[in-house]
Amino acid sequence: MATFRDANQARLKMKMKLSQQAWYNSSVVLADSDGYFVVIQVSKMDNQVRKLIPPIVDGVSVKAEAE
């Protein structure tokens, strides 16, 4: 169960890593019953994108979704 602070720090870490990629659009912190998680919004979803976005960063769940 991640706190908002943990999720926001993970979001910022991923933003710094992915912001130079052409397919990266934005990232947000969302809440569910288990705590907070990060959603990375991308313009396309392929194997390259899946390899660069880990499912967990510092104990925070990370999900990718195509726009």
PDB file of N, CA and C in Angstrom:
ATOM      1  N   MET A   1       0.847  -1.179   0.000  1.00  0.00           N
ATOM      2  CA  MET A   1       0.000   0.000   0.000  1.00  0.00           C
ATOM      3  C   MET A   1       0.888   1.237   0.000  1.00  0.00           C
ATOM      4  N   ALA A   2       0.870   1.951  -1.080  1.00  0.00           N
ATOM      5  CA  ALA A   2       1.730   3.120  -1.247  1.00  0.00           C
ATOM      6  C   ALA A   2       1.004   4.391  -0.804  1.00  0.00           C
ATOM      7  N   THR A   3       1.747   5.292  -0.218  1.00  0.00           N
ATOM      8  CA  THR A   3       1.196   6.587   0.146  1.00  0.00           C
ATOM      9  C   THR A   3       1.255   7.505  -1.072  1.00  0.00           C
ATOM     10  N   PHE A   4       0.557   8.643  -0.980  1.00  0.00           N
ATOM     11  CA  PHE A   4       0.582   9.594  -2.092  1.00  0.00           C
ATOM     12  C   PHE A   4       2.002  10.095  -2.331  1.00  0.00           C
ATOM     13  N   ARG A   5       2.730  10.340  -1.262  1.00  0.00           N
ATOM     14  CA  ARG A   5       4.102  10.851  -1.395  1.00  0.00           C
ATOM     15  C   ARG A   5       4.989   9.847  -2.141  1.00  0.00           C
ATOM     16  N   ASP A   6       4.891   8.574  -1.773  1.00  0.00           N
ATOM     17  CA  ASP A   6       5.670   7.530  -2.457  1.00  0.00           C
ATOM     18  C   ASP A   6       5.299   7.455  -3.936  1.00  0.00           C
ATOM     19  N   ALA A   7       4.002   7.490  -4.213  1.00  0.00           N
ATOM     20  CA  ALA A   7       3.548   7.397  -5.600  1.00  0.00           C
ATOM     21  C   ALA A   7       3.995   8.608  -6.410  1.00  0.00           C
ATOM     22  N   ASN A   8       3.946   9.787  -5.816  1.00  0.00           N
ATOM     23  CA  ASN A   8       4.358  10.993  -6.535  1.00  0.00           C
ATOM     24  C   ASN A   8       5.866  10.973  -6.802  1.00  0.00           C
ATOM     25  N   GLN A   9       6.653  10.497  -5.857  1.00  0.00           N
ATOM     26  CA  GLN A   9       8.095  10.392  -6.087  1.00  0.00           C
ATOM     27  C   GLN A   9       8.398   9.386  -7.191  1.00  0.00           C
ATOM     28  N   ALA A  10       7.681   8.272  -7.220  1.00  0.00           N
ATOM     29  CA  ALA A  10       7.861   7.291  -8.294  1.00  0.00           C
ATOM     30  C   ALA A  10       7.453   7.901  -9.632  1.00  0.00           C
ATOM     31  N   ARG A  11       6.367   8.682  -9.640  1.00  0.00           N
ATOM     32  CA  ARG A  11       5.915   9.339 -10.877  1.00  0.00           C
ATOM     33  C   ARG A  11       6.977  10.301 -11.397  1.00  0.00           C
ATOM     34  N   LEU A  12       7.558  11.087 -10.505  1.00  0.00           N
ATOM     35  CA  LEU A  12       8.594  12.038 -10.924  1.00  0.00           C
ATOM     36  C   LEU A  12       9.841  11.322 -11.433  1.00  0.00           C
ATOM     37  N   LYS A  13      10.194  10.224 -10.789  1.00  0.00           N
ATOM     38  CA  LYS A  13      11.351   9.435 -11.248  1.00  0.00           C
ATOM     39  C   LYS A  13      11.105   8.888 -12.658  1.00  0.00           C
ATOM     40  N   MET A  14       9.903   8.354 -12.898  1.00  0.00           N
ATOM     41  CA  MET A  14       9.577   7.830 -14.223  1.00  0.00           C
ATOM     42  C   MET A  14       9.469   8.956 -15.253  1.00  0.00           C
ATOM     43  N   LYS A  15       8.944  10.107 -14.830  1.00  0.00           N
ATOM     44  CA  LYS A  15       8.826  11.241 -15.744  1.00  0.00           C
ATOM     45  C   LYS A  15      10.196  11.684 -16.230  1.00  0.00           C
ATOM     46  N   MET A  16      11.157  11.762 -15.327  1.00  0.00           N
ATOM     47  CA  MET A  16      12.516  12.159 -15.723  1.00  0.00           C
ATOM     48  C   MET A  16      13.122  11.135 -16.684  1.00  0.00           C
ATOM     49  N   LYS A  17      12.825   9.875 -16.468  1.00  0.00           N
ATOM     50  CA  LYS A  17      13.383   8.814 -17.309  1.00  0.00           C
ATOM     51  C   LYS A  17      12.719   8.782 -18.689  1.00  0.00           C
ATOM     52  N   LEU A  18      11.415   9.017 -18.746  1.00  0.00           N
ATOM     53  CA  LEU A  18      10.664   8.808 -19.987  1.00  0.00           C
ATOM     54  C   LEU A  18      10.365  10.079 -20.775  1.00  0.00           C
ATOM     55  N   SER A  19      10.600  11.249 -20.214  1.00  0.00           N
ATOM     56  CA  SER A  19      10.180  12.491 -20.866  1.00  0.00           C
ATOM     57  C   SER A  19      10.853  12.736 -22.211  1.00  0.00           C
ATOM     58  N   GLN A  20      11.976  12.112 -22.467  1.00  0.00           N
ATOM     59  CA  GLN A  20      12.660  12.306 -23.744  1.00  0.00           C
ATOM     60  C   GLN A  20      12.170  11.360 -24.835  1.00  0.00           C
ATOM     61  N   GLN A  21      11.272  10.452 -24.478  1.00  0.00           N
ATOM     62  CA  GLN A  21      10.715   9.514 -25.458  1.00  0.00           C
ATOM     63  C   GLN A  21       9.572  10.186 -26.207  1.00  0.00           C
ATOM     64  N   ALA A  22       9.499   9.978 -27.512  1.00  0.00           N
ATOM     65  CA  ALA A  22       8.472  10.619 -28.334  1.00  0.00           C
ATOM     66  C   ALA A  22       7.068  10.118 -28.001  1.00  0.00           C
ATOM     67  N   TRP A  23       6.941   8.892 -27.542  1.00  0.00           N
ATOM     68  CA  TRP A  23       5.622   8.313 -27.264  1.00  0.00           C
ATOM     69  C   TRP A  23       5.081   8.656 -25.881  1.00  0.00           C
ATOM     70  N   TYR A  24       5.887   9.282 -25.025  1.00  0.00           N
ATOM     71  CA  TYR A  24       5.450   9.644 -23.671  1.00  0.00           C
ATOM     72  C   TYR A  24       4.558  10.880 -23.716  1.00  0.00           C
ATOM     73  N   ASN A  25       3.394  10.813 -23.065  1.00  0.00           N
ATOM     74  CA  ASN A  25       2.487  11.966 -23.026  1.00  0.00           C
ATOM     75  C   ASN A  25       2.435  12.589 -21.638  1.00  0.00           C
ATOM     76  N   SER A  26       2.059  11.826 -20.629  1.00  0.00           N
ATOM     77  CA  SER A  26       1.942  12.376 -19.282  1.00  0.00           C
ATOM     78  C   SER A  26       1.891  11.247 -18.264  1.00  0.00           C
ATOM     79  N   SER A  27       1.885  11.633 -16.992  1.00  0.00           N
ATOM     80  CA  SER A  27       1.753  10.663 -15.911  1.00  0.00           C
ATOM     81  C   SER A  27       0.928  11.282 -14.795  1.00  0.00           C
ATOM     82  N   VAL A  28       0.149  10.449 -14.123  1.00  0.00           N
ATOM     83  CA  VAL A  28      -0.709  10.909 -13.033  1.00  0.00           C
ATOM     84  C   VAL A  28      -0.677   9.904 -11.889  1.00  0.00           C
ATOM     85  N   VAL A  29      -1.003  10.391 -10.700  1.00  0.00           N
ATOM     86  CA  VAL A  29      -1.146   9.534  -9.528  1.00  0.00           C
ATOM     87  C   VAL A  29      -2.636   9.356  -9.280  1.00  0.00           C
ATOM     88  N   LEU A  30      -3.076   8.111  -9.182  1.00  0.00           N
ATOM     89  CA  LEU A  30      -4.479   7.802  -8.918  1.00  0.00           C
ATOM     90  C   LEU A  30      -4.584   6.953  -7.659  1.00  0.00           C
ATOM     91  N   ALA A  31      -5.766   6.937  -7.068  1.00  0.00           N
ATOM     92  CA  ALA A  31      -5.995   6.166  -5.842  1.00  0.00           C
ATOM     93  C   ALA A  31      -7.007   5.063  -6.106  1.00  0.00           C
ATOM     94  N   ASP A  32      -6.809   3.941  -5.408  1.00  0.00           N
ATOM     95  CA  ASP A  32      -7.807   2.873  -5.388  1.00  0.00           C
ATOM     96  C   ASP A  32      -7.876   2.332  -3.963  1.00  0.00           C
ATOM     97  N   SER A  33      -8.532   1.225  -3.766  1.00  0.00           N
ATOM     98  CA  SER A  33      -8.715   0.697  -2.413  1.00  0.00           C
ATOM     99  C   SER A  33      -7.409   0.219  -1.776  1.00  0.00           C
ATOM    100  N   ASP A  34      -6.400  -0.068  -2.589  1.00  0.00           N
ATOM    101  CA  ASP A  34      -5.113  -0.547  -2.072  1.00  0.00           C
ATOM    102  C   ASP A  34      -4.110   0.575  -1.830  1.00  0.00           C
ATOM    103  N   GLY A  35      -4.449   1.799  -2.144  1.00  0.00           N
ATOM    104  CA  GLY A  35      -3.520   2.912  -1.989  1.00  0.00           C
ATOM    105  C   GLY A  35      -3.412   3.674  -3.296  1.00  0.00           C
ATOM    106  N   TYR A  36      -2.248   4.227  -3.525  1.00  0.00           N
ATOM    107  CA  TYR A  36      -2.024   5.048  -4.721  1.00  0.00           C
ATOM    108  C   TYR A  36      -1.171   4.292  -5.735  1.00  0.00           C
ATOM    109  N   PHE A  37      -1.360   4.630  -7.012  1.00  0.00           N
ATOM    110  CA  PHE A  37      -0.559   4.042  -8.080  1.00  0.00           C
ATOM    111  C   PHE A  37      -0.333   5.089  -9.157  1.00  0.00           C
ATOM    112  N   VAL A  38       0.594   4.816 -10.066  1.00  0.00           N
ATOM    113  CA  VAL A  38       0.965   5.752 -11.121  1.00  0.00           C
ATOM    114  C   VAL A  38       0.463   5.217 -12.459  1.00  0.00           C
ATOM    115  N   VAL A  39      -0.112   6.099 -13.254  1.00  0.00           N
ATOM    116  CA  VAL A  39      -0.526   5.764 -14.616  1.00  0.00           C
ATOM    117  C   VAL A  39       0.321   6.588 -15.576  1.00  0.00           C
ATOM    118  N   ILE A  40       1.004   5.913 -16.485  1.00  0.00           N
ATOM    119  CA  ILE A  40       1.803   6.554 -17.524  1.00  0.00           C
ATOM    120  C   ILE A  40       0.980   6.516 -18.811  1.00  0.00           C
ATOM    121  N   GLN A  41       0.685   7.673 -19.370  1.00  0.00           N
ATOM    122  CA  GLN A  41      -0.087   7.748 -20.600  1.00  0.00           C
ATOM    123  C   GLN A  41       0.865   7.892 -21.782  1.00  0.00           C
ATOM    124  N   VAL A  42       0.715   6.999 -22.758  1.00  0.00           N
ATOM    125  CA  VAL A  42       1.598   6.968 -23.919  1.00  0.00           C
ATOM    126  C   VAL A  42       0.762   7.042 -25.195  1.00  0.00           C
ATOM    127  N   SER A  43       1.393   7.444 -26.283  1.00  0.00           N
ATOM    128  CA  SER A  43       0.673   7.558 -27.551  1.00  0.00           C
ATOM    129  C   SER A  43       0.578   6.222 -28.280  1.00  0.00           C
ATOM    130  N   LYS A  44       1.495   5.305 -27.993  1.00  0.00           N
ATOM    131  CA  LYS A  44       1.443   3.982 -28.614  1.00  0.00           C
ATOM    132  C   LYS A  44       1.902   2.949 -27.594  1.00  0.00           C
ATOM    133  N   MET A  45       1.439   1.730 -27.751  1.00  0.00           N
ATOM    134  CA  MET A  45       1.818   0.661 -26.836  1.00  0.00           C
ATOM    135  C   MET A  45       2.401  -0.488 -27.662  1.00  0.00           C
ATOM    136  N   ASP A  46       3.700  -0.695 -27.537  1.00  0.00           N
ATOM    137  CA  ASP A  46       4.349  -1.818 -28.204  1.00  0.00           C
ATOM    138  C   ASP A  46       5.374  -2.427 -27.252  1.00  0.00           C
ATOM    139  N   ASN A  47       6.139  -3.373 -27.736  1.00  0.00           N
ATOM    140  CA  ASN A  47       7.100  -4.067 -26.867  1.00  0.00           C
ATOM    141  C   ASN A  47       8.186  -3.138 -26.331  1.00  0.00           C
ATOM    142  N   GLN A  48       8.615  -2.166 -27.103  1.00  0.00           N
ATOM    143  CA  GLN A  48       9.627  -1.215 -26.638  1.00  0.00           C
ATOM    144  C   GLN A  48       9.119  -0.442 -25.426  1.00  0.00           C
ATOM    145  N   VAL A  49       7.873  -0.002 -25.496  1.00  0.00           N
ATOM    146  CA  VAL A  49       7.274   0.746 -24.391  1.00  0.00           C
ATOM    147  C   VAL A  49       7.132  -0.147 -23.166  1.00  0.00           C
ATOM    148  N   ARG A  50       6.668  -1.363 -23.364  1.00  0.00           N
ATOM    149  CA  ARG A  50       6.481  -2.304 -22.248  1.00  0.00           C
ATOM    150  C   ARG A  50       7.802  -2.625 -21.542  1.00  0.00           C
ATOM    151  N   LYS A  51       8.891  -2.670 -22.301  1.00  0.00           N
ATOM    152  CA  LYS A  51      10.196  -2.958 -21.698  1.00  0.00           C
ATOM    153  C   LYS A  51      10.712  -1.796 -20.861  1.00  0.00           C
ATOM    154  N   LEU A  52      10.382  -0.562 -21.238  1.00  0.00           N
ATOM    155  CA  LEU A  52      10.898   0.613 -20.532  1.00  0.00           C
ATOM    156  C   LEU A  52      10.082   0.998 -19.305  1.00  0.00           C
ATOM    157  N   ILE A  53       8.830   0.544 -19.223  1.00  0.00           N
ATOM    158  CA  ILE A  53       7.977   0.896 -18.087  1.00  0.00           C
ATOM    159  C   ILE A  53       7.864  -0.315 -17.163  1.00  0.00           C
ATOM    160  N   PRO A  54       8.510  -0.265 -16.006  1.00  0.00           N
ATOM    161  CA  PRO A  54       8.454  -1.396 -15.084  1.00  0.00           C
ATOM    162  C   PRO A  54       7.094  -1.454 -14.381  1.00  0.00           C
ATOM    163  N   PRO A  55       6.652  -2.644 -13.959  1.00  0.00           N
ATOM    164  CA  PRO A  55       5.358  -2.754 -13.280  1.00  0.00           C
ATOM    165  C   PRO A  55       5.360  -2.185 -11.861  1.00  0.00           C
ATOM    166  N   ILE A  56       6.544  -2.129 -11.224  1.00  0.00           N
ATOM    167  CA  ILE A  56       6.657  -1.593  -9.869  1.00  0.00           C
ATOM    168  C   ILE A  56       7.911  -0.733  -9.771  1.00  0.00           C
ATOM    169  N   VAL A  57       7.760   0.467  -9.202  1.00  0.00           N
ATOM    170  CA  VAL A  57       8.899   1.376  -8.973  1.00  0.00           C
ATOM    171  C   VAL A  57       8.874   1.764  -7.503  1.00  0.00           C
ATOM    172  N   ASP A  58       9.904   1.403  -6.768  1.00  0.00           N
ATOM    173  CA  ASP A  58      10.005   1.731  -5.343  1.00  0.00           C
ATOM    174  C   ASP A  58       8.768   1.331  -4.552  1.00  0.00           C
ATOM    175  N   GLY A  59       8.217   0.174  -4.858  1.00  0.00           N
ATOM    176  CA  GLY A  59       7.041  -0.322  -4.141  1.00  0.00           C
ATOM    177  C   GLY A  59       5.714   0.257  -4.594  1.00  0.00           C
ATOM    178  N   VAL A  60       5.723   1.043  -5.663  1.00  0.00           N
ATOM    179  CA  VAL A  60       4.501   1.654  -6.194  1.00  0.00           C
ATOM    180  C   VAL A  60       4.151   0.993  -7.526  1.00  0.00           C
ATOM    181  N   SER A  61       2.903   0.604  -7.672  1.00  0.00           N
ATOM    182  CA  SER A  61       2.444  -0.016  -8.901  1.00  0.00           C
ATOM    183  C   SER A  61       2.412   1.018 -10.024  1.00  0.00           C
ATOM    184  N   VAL A  62       2.877   0.629 -11.208  1.00  0.00           N
ATOM    185  CA  VAL A  62       2.903   1.518 -12.371  1.00  0.00           C
ATOM    186  C   VAL A  62       2.139   0.839 -13.495  1.00  0.00           C
ATOM    187  N   LYS A  63       1.189   1.562 -14.069  1.00  0.00           N
ATOM    188  CA  LYS A  63       0.392   1.038 -15.169  1.00  0.00           C
ATOM    189  C   LYS A  63       0.573   1.950 -16.376  1.00  0.00           C
ATOM    190  N   ALA A  64       0.588   1.375 -17.555  1.00  0.00           N
ATOM    191  CA  ALA A  64       0.690   2.160 -18.792  1.00  0.00           C
ATOM    192  C   ALA A  64      -0.612   2.043 -19.550  1.00  0.00           C
ATOM    193  N   GLU A  65      -1.046   3.148 -20.120  1.00  0.00           N
ATOM    194  CA  GLU A  65      -2.250   3.099 -20.953  1.00  0.00           C
ATOM    195  C   GLU A  65      -2.031   3.959 -22.193  1.00  0.00           C
ATOM    196  N   ALA A  66      -2.532   3.456 -23.315  1.00  0.00           N
ATOM    197  CA  ALA A  66      -2.415   4.179 -24.579  1.00  0.00           C
ATOM    198  C   ALA A  66      -3.607   5.120 -24.728  1.00  0.00           C
ATOM    199  N   GLU A  67      -3.340   6.284 -25.274  1.00  0.00           N
ATOM    200  CA  GLU A  67      -4.423   7.263 -25.486  1.00  0.00           C
ATOM    201  C   GLU A  67      -5.056   7.072 -26.823  1.00  0.00           C
TER     202      GLU A  67
END
